[in-house]
Structures are given as structure tokens and as C-alpha cells.
C-alpha atoms as a PDB file:
ATOM      1  CA  MET A   1       0.015   3.134  30.098  1.00  0.00           C
ATOM      2  CA  ARG A   2       3.674   4.708  30.590  1.00  0.00           C
ATOM      3  CA  LYS A   3       3.958   8.544  29.326  1.00  0.00           C
ATOM      4  CA  PHE A   4       7.712   8.665  27.908  1.00  0.00           C
ATOM      5  CA  SER A   5       9.875  11.245  29.861  1.00  0.00           C
ATOM      6  CA  LEU A   6      12.732  11.067  28.255  1.00  0.00           C
ATOM      7  CA  VAL A   7      12.694  14.996  25.730  1.00  0.00           C
ATOM      8  CA  ASN A   8      15.613  16.486  23.416  1.00  0.00           C
ATOM      9  CA  PHE A   9      14.632  20.353  22.569  1.00  0.00           C
ATOM     10  CA  ALA A  10      15.988  20.859  19.579  1.00  0.00           C
ATOM     11  CA  TRP A  11      13.318  23.121  18.231  1.00  0.00           C
ATOM     12  CA  PHE A  12      14.653  24.433  14.977  1.00  0.00           C
ATOM     13  CA  GLY A  13      15.011  21.150  12.907  1.00  0.00           C
ATOM     14  CA  ILE A  14      11.467  19.886  14.282  1.00  0.00           C
ATOM     15  CA  GLY A  15       9.775  23.583  13.248  1.00  0.00           C
ATOM     16  CA  LEU A  16      11.413  23.443   9.830  1.00  0.00           C
ATOM     17  CA  VAL A  17       9.588  19.715   9.053  1.00  0.00           C
ATOM     18  CA  SER A  18       6.390  21.075  10.938  1.00  0.00           C
ATOM     19  CA  VAL A  19       6.372  23.944   8.541  1.00  0.00           C
ATOM     20  CA  THR A  20       6.813  22.237   5.830  1.00  0.00           C
ATOM     21  CA  GLY A  21       4.652  19.248   6.366  1.00  0.00           C
ATOM     22  CA  SER A  22       1.457  21.866   6.331  1.00  0.00           C
ATOM     23  CA  VAL A  23       2.661  23.358   3.165  1.00  0.00           C
ATOM     24  CA  LEU A  24       3.495  20.035   1.842  1.00  0.00           C
ATOM     25  CA  ALA A  25      -0.161  18.608   2.842  1.00  0.00           C
ATOM     26  CA  LEU A  26      -1.680  21.340   0.916  1.00  0.00           C
ATOM     27  CA  SER A  27      -0.121  20.771  -2.590  1.00  0.00           C
ATOM     28  CA  LEU A  28      -1.576  16.602  -1.792  1.00  0.00           C
ATOM     29  CA  GLY A  29      -4.979  18.532  -1.915  1.00  0.00           C
ATOM     30  CA  LEU A  30      -6.035  18.510   1.172  1.00  0.00           C
ATOM     31  CA  ALA A  31      -8.036  22.096   2.073  1.00  0.00           C
ATOM     32  CA  ALA A  32      -6.558  24.348   4.877  1.00  0.00           C
ATOM     33  CA  GLY A  33      -9.196  23.044   7.544  1.00  0.00           C
ATOM     34  CA  ALA A  34     -10.682  19.815   6.681  1.00  0.00           C
ATOM     35  CA  PRO A  35      -8.775  16.626   6.270  1.00  0.00           C
ATOM     36  CA  PRO A  36     -10.808  13.998   4.736  1.00  0.00           C
ATOM     37  CA  ALA A  37     -12.953  12.160   7.001  1.00  0.00           C
ATOM     38  CA  ASP A  38     -12.917   8.962   4.974  1.00  0.00           C
ATOM     39  CA  ALA A  39     -10.091   7.235   6.311  1.00  0.00           C
ATOM     40  CA  SER A  40      -9.811   5.261   2.782  1.00  0.00           C
ATOM     41  CA  SER A  41      -9.432   8.781   0.966  1.00  0.00           C
ATOM     42  CA  LEU A  42      -6.677  10.088   3.028  1.00  0.00           C
ATOM     43  CA  PRO A  43      -3.829  11.887   1.129  1.00  0.00           C
ATOM     44  CA  CYS A  44      -1.130   9.122   1.038  1.00  0.00           C
ATOM     45  CA  ARG A  45      -2.161   7.072   4.552  1.00  0.00           C
ATOM     46  CA  ASP A  46      -0.482   4.205   2.302  1.00  0.00           C
ATOM     47  CA  GLY A  47       2.394   5.798   1.586  1.00  0.00           C
ATOM     48  CA  GLY A  48       4.157   5.638  -1.893  1.00  0.00           C
ATOM     49  CA  ASP A  49       7.517   7.627  -3.527  1.00  0.00           C
ATOM     50  CA  ASP A  50       5.191  10.310  -4.320  1.00  0.00           C
ATOM     51  CA  CYS A  51       4.198  10.813  -0.413  1.00  0.00           C
ATOM     52  CA  ILE A  52       7.602  12.368  -0.263  1.00  0.00           C
ATOM     53  CA  ASN A  53       7.076  11.336   3.772  1.00  0.00           C
ATOM     54  CA  ILE A  54       3.960  13.669   4.184  1.00  0.00           C
ATOM     55  CA  GLY A  55       0.738  12.099   5.063  1.00  0.00           C
ATOM     56  CA  PHE A  56      -2.604  10.959   6.863  1.00  0.00           C
ATOM     57  CA  THR A  57      -3.814   8.227   9.095  1.00  0.00           C
ATOM     58  CA  ASP A  58      -6.809   7.831  11.238  1.00  0.00           C
ATOM     59  CA  ALA A  59      -6.297   7.183  14.925  1.00  0.00           C
ATOM     60  CA  TRP A  60      -8.976   6.762  18.122  1.00  0.00           C
ATOM     61  CA  PHE A  61      -8.108   9.419  20.850  1.00  0.00           C
ATOM     62  CA  GLY A  62     -10.682  10.167  23.818  1.00  0.00           C
ATOM     63  CA  GLY A  63     -13.929   8.338  22.261  1.00  0.00           C
ATOM     64  CA  GLN A  64     -13.733   9.902  18.564  1.00  0.00           C
ATOM     65  CA  THR A  65     -11.587   9.506  15.133  1.00  0.00           C
ATOM     66  CA  VAL A  66      -8.435  12.546  14.721  1.00  0.00           C
ATOM     67  CA  GLN A  67      -6.372  12.423  12.185  1.00  0.00           C
ATOM     68  CA  LEU A  68      -2.287  12.370  12.295  1.00  0.00           C
ATOM     69  CA  GLU A  69      -0.270  14.036  10.106  1.00  0.00           C
ATOM     70  CA  TYR A  70       2.503  12.755   9.436  1.00  0.00           C
ATOM     71  CA  SER A  71       5.665  14.486   7.972  1.00  0.00           C
ATOM     72  CA  HIS A  72       9.220  12.857   8.360  1.00  0.00           C
ATOM     73  CA  GLN A  73      10.739   8.860   8.286  1.00  0.00           C
ATOM     74  CA  PHE A  74      10.405   6.962  11.235  1.00  0.00           C
ATOM     75  CA  PHE A  75      13.307   6.760  13.242  1.00  0.00           C
ATOM     76  CA  CYS A  76      15.208   3.559  14.643  1.00  0.00           C
ATOM     77  CA  ALA A  77      18.475   2.999  16.283  1.00  0.00           C
ATOM     78  CA  ARG A  78      20.197   0.098  17.422  1.00  0.00           C
ATOM     79  CA  PRO A  79      20.212  -1.139  20.385  1.00  0.00           C
ATOM     80  CA  PRO A  80      18.320  -3.043  20.902  1.00  0.00           C
ATOM     81  CA  LYS A  81      19.998  -5.267  18.695  1.00  0.00           C
ATOM     82  CA  SER A  82      17.776  -5.732  15.744  1.00  0.00           C
ATOM     83  CA  THR A  83      19.031  -7.881  12.880  1.00  0.00           C
ATOM     84  CA  GLY A  84      16.526  -6.392  10.730  1.00  0.00           C
ATOM     85  CA  PRO A  85      17.115  -4.049   7.739  1.00  0.00           C
ATOM     86  CA  THR A  86      15.097  -0.977   9.399  1.00  0.00           C
ATOM     87  CA  GLY A  87      16.801  -1.670  13.127  1.00  0.00           C
ATOM     88  CA  CYS A  88      13.479  -1.469  14.088  1.00  0.00           C
ATOM     89  CA  GLU A  89      12.926  -4.286  16.673  1.00  0.00           C
ATOM     90  CA  VAL A  90       9.762  -4.825  18.703  1.00  0.00           C
ATOM     91  CA  GLY A  91      10.627  -6.450  22.538  1.00  0.00           C
ATOM     92  CA  ASP A  92      12.487  -3.540  23.922  1.00  0.00           C
ATOM     93  CA  ALA A  93      12.420   0.191  24.244  1.00  0.00           C
ATOM     94  CA  GLY A  94      15.021   2.205  22.277  1.00  0.00           C
ATOM     95  CA  THR A  95      17.950   3.713  23.815  1.00  0.00           C
ATOM     96  CA  THR A  96      19.044   6.707  21.709  1.00  0.00           C
ATOM     97  CA  LEU A  97      16.208   9.572  20.637  1.00  0.00           C
ATOM     98  CA  PRO A  98      15.864  10.667  17.757  1.00  0.00           C
ATOM     99  CA  PRO A  99      18.099  13.907  16.573  1.00  0.00           C
ATOM    100  CA  SER A 100      15.619  16.786  16.484  1.00  0.00           C
ATOM    101  CA  GLY A 101      12.422  17.810  18.446  1.00  0.00           C
ATOM    102  CA  PRO A 102      10.776  16.460  21.406  1.00  0.00           C
ATOM    103  CA  VAL A 103       9.960  12.944  22.166  1.00  0.00           C
ATOM    104  CA  VAL A 104       6.395  12.795  24.015  1.00  0.00           C
ATOM    105  CA  SER A 105       3.753  10.446  24.761  1.00  0.00           C
ATOM    106  CA  ASN A 106       3.055   6.611  23.087  1.00  0.00           C
ATOM    107  CA  VAL A 107       1.506   6.008  20.061  1.00  0.00           C
ATOM    108  CA  TYR A 108      -0.001   2.499  20.173  1.00  0.00           C
ATOM    109  CA  LEU A 109      -0.165  -0.100  17.288  1.00  0.00           C
ATOM    110  CA  ILE A 110      -3.763  -1.967  17.455  1.00  0.00           C
ATOM    111  CA  VAL A 111      -2.394  -5.563  16.261  1.00  0.00           C
ATOM    112  CA  PRO A 112      -4.755  -8.120  15.246  1.00  0.00           C
ATOM    113  CA  VAL A 113      -3.717 -11.528  15.817  1.00  0.00           C
ATOM    114  CA  GLY A 114      -5.703 -14.296  14.195  1.00  0.00           C
ATOM    115  CA  PHE A 115      -8.492 -13.101  12.927  1.00  0.00           C
ATOM    116  CA  ALA A 116      -9.485 -10.444  10.612  1.00  0.00           C
ATOM    117  CA  PRO A 117     -11.174  -7.070  12.287  1.00  0.00           C
ATOM    118  CA  PRO A 118     -13.333  -5.078   9.595  1.00  0.00           C
ATOM    119  CA  ASP A 119     -11.794  -2.934   7.178  1.00  0.00           C
ATOM    120  CA  ALA A 120     -13.134  -0.109   8.344  1.00  0.00           C
ATOM    121  CA  THR A 121     -11.607  -0.612  11.879  1.00  0.00           C
ATOM    122  CA  LEU A 122      -8.190  -0.777  10.149  1.00  0.00           C
ATOM    123  CA  HIS A 123      -6.234   2.765   9.943  1.00  0.00           C
ATOM    124  CA  CYS A 124      -3.369   1.295   8.349  1.00  0.00           C
ATOM    125  CA  PRO A 125      -5.529  -1.778   6.368  1.00  0.00           C
ATOM    126  CA  ILE A 126      -2.440  -3.004   4.379  1.00  0.00           C
ATOM    127  CA  PRO A 127       0.421  -5.103   5.789  1.00  0.00           C
ATOM    128  CA  GLY A 128       4.170  -3.008   5.854  1.00  0.00           C
ATOM    129  CA  GLN A 129       1.765   0.097   4.085  1.00  0.00           C
ATOM    130  CA  CYS A 130       1.666   2.529   6.388  1.00  0.00           C
ATOM    131  CA  ILE A 131       2.762   6.379   5.813  1.00  0.00           C
ATOM    132  CA  ASP A 132       5.792   6.623   7.993  1.00  0.00           C
ATOM    133  CA  ASN A 133       5.855   3.986   9.457  1.00  0.00           C
ATOM    134  CA  PRO A 134       8.499   1.100   8.685  1.00  0.00           C
ATOM    135  CA  HIS A 135       8.169  -1.714   6.520  1.00  0.00           C
ATOM    136  CA  THR A 136       9.320  -4.274   8.361  1.00  0.00           C
ATOM    137  CA  MET A 137      10.692  -4.505  11.944  1.00  0.00           C
ATOM    138  CA  ASP A 138      12.534  -7.707  14.173  1.00  0.00           C
ATOM    139  CA  LEU A 139       9.617  -9.417  16.169  1.00  0.00           C
ATOM    140  CA  SER A 140      11.328 -12.481  16.940  1.00  0.00           C
ATOM    141  CA  ARG A 141      11.406 -11.422  20.303  1.00  0.00           C
ATOM    142  CA  ILE A 142       7.294 -11.845  20.680  1.00  0.00           C
ATOM    143  CA  GLY A 143       7.465 -15.014  18.183  1.00  0.00           C
ATOM    144  CA  GLY A 144       7.840 -13.541  14.637  1.00  0.00           C
ATOM    145  CA  GLY A 145      10.590 -13.194  12.277  1.00  0.00           C
ATOM    146  CA  HIS A 146      13.453 -11.299  12.472  1.00  0.00           C
ATOM    147  CA  ASN A 147      12.264  -8.966   8.902  1.00  0.00           C
ATOM    148  CA  ALA A 148       9.076  -9.122  10.060  1.00  0.00           C
ATOM    149  CA  ILE A 149       6.172  -6.788   7.640  1.00  0.00           C
ATOM    150  CA  LEU A 150       4.304  -4.587   9.910  1.00  0.00           C
ATOM    151  CA  PRO A 151       1.015  -6.586  10.280  1.00  0.00           C
ATOM    152  CA  ALA A 152      -2.108  -4.187   9.392  1.00  0.00           C
ATOM    153  CA  HIS A 153      -3.037  -2.605  13.055  1.00  0.00           C
ATOM    154  CA  SER A 154      -5.211   0.169  13.921  1.00  0.00           C
ATOM    155  CA  ILE A 155      -4.093   4.008  16.075  1.00  0.00           C
ATOM    156  CA  VAL A 156      -4.641   4.584  19.435  1.00  0.00           C
ATOM    157  CA  ILE A 157      -3.264   7.534  21.337  1.00  0.00           C
ATOM    158  CA  GLU A 158      -3.412   8.905  24.887  1.00  0.00           C
ATOM    159  CA  ASP A 159      -2.501  12.275  24.552  1.00  0.00           C
ATOM    160  CA  ALA A 160      -3.068  14.885  22.120  1.00  0.00           C
ATOM    161  CA  GLU A 161       0.095  16.641  23.213  1.00  0.00           C
ATOM    162  CA  ALA A 162       0.773  20.404  22.454  1.00  0.00           C
ATOM    163  CA  PHE A 163       3.154  20.319  19.880  1.00  0.00           C
ATOM    164  CA  GLN A 164       2.410  20.754  16.423  1.00  0.00           C
ATOM    165  CA  SER A 165       5.224  18.172  14.938  1.00  0.00           C
ATOM    166  CA  THR A 166       6.658  15.394  17.167  1.00  0.00           C
ATOM    167  CA  TRP A 167       8.104  12.204  18.026  1.00  0.00           C
ATOM    168  CA  TRP A 168       6.205   9.590  19.180  1.00  0.00           C
ATOM    169  CA  PRO A 169       7.694   6.140  20.725  1.00  0.00           C
ATOM    170  CA  VAL A 170       6.056   2.730  19.171  1.00  0.00           C
ATOM    171  CA  VAL A 171       3.981   0.203  21.415  1.00  0.00           C
ATOM    172  CA  LEU A 172       2.418  -2.800  20.005  1.00  0.00           C
ATOM    173  CA  VAL A 173      -0.657  -4.389  21.448  1.00  0.00           C
ATOM    174  CA  ARG A 174      -1.453  -7.555  20.294  1.00  0.00           C
ATOM    175  CA  VAL A 175      -5.554  -8.073  20.104  1.00  0.00           C
ATOM    176  CA  LYS A 176      -6.621 -11.936  20.604  1.00  0.00           C
ATOM    177  CA  ASN A 177      -9.892 -12.076  19.086  1.00  0.00           C
ATOM    178  CA  LEU A 178     -12.635  -9.946  17.461  1.00  0.00           C
ATOM    179  CA  ASP A 179     -14.704  -9.237  20.166  1.00  0.00           C
ATOM    180  CA  ALA A 180     -11.539  -7.777  22.206  1.00  0.00           C
ATOM    181  CA  TRP A 181     -11.163  -5.935  19.110  1.00  0.00           C
ATOM    182  CA  ASN A 182     -14.476  -4.341  18.873  1.00  0.00           C
ATOM    183  CA  ALA A 183     -14.871  -3.499  22.176  1.00  0.00           C
ATOM    184  CA  ILE A 184     -11.690  -0.723  21.523  1.00  0.00           C
ATOM    185  CA  ALA A 185     -13.056   0.265  18.594  1.00  0.00           C
ATOM    186  CA  ALA A 186     -16.169   0.890  19.990  1.00  0.00           C
ATOM    187  CA  ALA A 187     -14.939   2.724  22.545  1.00  0.00           C
ATOM    188  CA  LYS A 188     -11.796   4.459  20.653  1.00  0.00           C
ATOM    189  CA  THR A 189     -10.116   4.776  24.113  1.00  0.00           C
ATOM    190  CA  ILE A 190      -6.423   3.730  25.708  1.00  0.00           C
ATOM    191  CA  ASP A 191      -8.724   2.767  28.876  1.00  0.00           C
ATOM    192  CA  ALA A 192     -10.143   0.493  26.463  1.00  0.00           C
ATOM    193  CA  VAL A 193      -6.847  -1.091  25.790  1.00  0.00           C
ATOM    194  CA  ASP A 194      -6.253  -1.270  29.506  1.00  0.00           C
ATOM    195  CA  GLU A 195      -9.093  -2.953  29.847  1.00  0.00           C
ATOM    196  CA  CYS A 196      -8.413  -5.136  27.329  1.00  0.00           C
ATOM    197  CA  GLN A 197      -5.071  -6.176  28.867  1.00  0.00           C
ATOM    198  CA  ALA A 198      -6.428  -6.833  32.388  1.00  0.00           C
ATOM    199  CA  ASN A 199      -9.235  -8.923  30.904  1.00  0.00           C
ATOM    200  CA  GLY A 200      -6.759 -11.222  28.987  1.00  0.00           C
ATOM    201  CA  GLY A 201      -8.389 -10.069  25.499  1.00  0.00           C
ATOM    202  CA  CYS A 202      -4.950  -8.627  24.347  1.00  0.00           C
ATOM    203  CA  PHE A 203      -1.446  -9.169  25.669  1.00  0.00           C
ATOM    204  CA  ALA A 204       0.664  -7.209  27.092  1.00  0.00           C
ATOM    205  CA  GLU A 205       1.879  -3.942  25.548  1.00  0.00           C
ATOM    206  CA  GLU A 206       5.418  -4.770  23.617  1.00  0.00           C
ATOM    207  CA  ASP A 207       7.940  -1.892  23.527  1.00  0.00           C
ATOM    208  CA  SER A 208       9.865  -0.776  20.447  1.00  0.00           C
ATOM    209  CA  ASN A 209      12.770   1.149  19.461  1.00  0.00           C
ATOM    210  CA  ALA A 210      10.705   2.719  16.822  1.00  0.00           C
ATOM    211  CA  PHE A 211       9.361   6.573  16.875  1.00  0.00           C
ATOM    212  CA  LEU A 212       6.600   7.603  14.606  1.00  0.00           C
ATOM    213  CA  PHE A 213       7.142  11.750  13.731  1.00  0.00           C
ATOM    214  CA  PHE A 214       3.204  13.373  13.514  1.00  0.00           C
ATOM    215  CA  GLN A 215       0.975  15.894  14.709  1.00  0.00           C
ATOM    216  CA  VAL A 216      -2.594  15.300  15.896  1.00  0.00           C
ATOM    217  CA  LEU A 217      -5.646  17.176  14.314  1.00  0.00           C
ATOM    218  CA  GLY A 218      -8.840  17.231  15.028  1.00  0.00           C
ATOM    219  CA  PRO A 219     -11.827  19.376  17.644  1.00  0.00           C
ATOM    220  CA  GLU A 220     -10.534  21.570  20.100  1.00  0.00           C
ATOM    221  CA  MET A 221      -6.716  20.504  18.573  1.00  0.00           C
ATOM    222  CA  SER A 222      -4.748  21.696  15.813  1.00  0.00           C
ATOM    223  CA  PRO A 223      -6.773  24.292  13.588  1.00  0.00           C
ATOM    224  CA  GLN A 224      -6.182  22.377  10.510  1.00  0.00           C
ATOM    225  CA  GLY A 225      -8.407  19.949  11.923  1.00  0.00           C
ATOM    226  CA  PRO A 226     -12.238  19.289  10.917  1.00  0.00           C
ATOM    227  CA  PRO A 227     -14.755  21.159  12.671  1.00  0.00           C
END
């Protein structure tokens, strides 16, 4: 797995969004130290006009489930030369960084191909509806449409990162069968994703020009995370 090496240190903009996100999270009914444990009840997980870009999803990291707190719309900029309306394309890394804030390690969207995993193992179970993810992406380089709805997926990160809120480059990993999916879901690690690619249970990872903006909440991470 790769670490994104380009960093933009325009801290003022990112700090403002982070503070705003924490305040607005409270207005969504979160207690300051206790994001909900049940993924289906995470505030604004599926997005929507009333969420004002503030919401939560689960993710897997280091053998455990953590929460990601989103507080900004996704960012995609051409090139690559996407023909889709969002400007988001899978198949090549972005060359234009978001205008403010650091860019850190990758966030991996784990996508089932040709099978339906248990809903309990899907962090974003509704295609095209996940807080601050693009609704559609250009998947033509990997055999999909130019304006394809982003599939249901789960999320793996490889580093908790020390920043409160930051930009994460999006990488897609498509999983070929339920056994391979269940192995990743059981391990909850980036190493399991690597192993899946090595043993043929997953397709090779695909870069994109999309960036997501969130912070990681969990034990020994943000003080807002669960105990």
C-alpha cells in the first residue's frame, strides 16, 4: 500500500472546517465522546440535503471498527479527463490537490463484484448514497460507465493520522467473491486487503482523482471517539 506524499499545509481553511464539523455534529444528536456503535444509526451516514456535509461512517483499521467524521464535500478535479459530471474518475491518480488542508494516506473503498455481502459488513450499503462520497464516478477505465453510480462499499484505512480533519485520496479495491470479502471483514486490516490482492481474491487496486475529507474517531485516537 502506498502513502500519498504531496502535502498542502494551508491550515486555516482546514481548521475552520474541523471546528465547524465538531460543533454541527452535536446538533445532529451526538454526545461529545460517544459516536453510535451501530453503523445503521450513524448520523447522516447515507447523506442527504439536511446533513450539510456533516456525518459519520464506520471503517476498518488495525483489526477494529472505527468511525470517520466527515465535514466537507468530496473533491475531484480534472485531469484525469473524466467525462462524468462529478469530474471523479477511477483508473489514475489525481494531479490537482484540494485547495486547503493536508493530504495524507489513502482511504480504500472495498467494492463487492458479482455478489452481495451481508449488510452488516457494508459501511456504505446504498449505492450512490454515502456522506460526502461522490454520487457517481467515471468507471470506464475499469469496465464501467462514464457516469456510474458509486457502488455499495466498505472502507479500510492504513493509518489513523494525527490530524483532526484532513483529505484522503480514494483508492478502489474490487473484491471477487464472498469468501475473500469475509476474510477482509474478519481481519479489518489493510494487510488483509493486500493478501486478498496477492492471492487473487481481489482485483488490483485502482487510483482515482477523488479525495474525501474526514477525521478518524476511535480508541486512542480522537478524544471524541468511543471508549
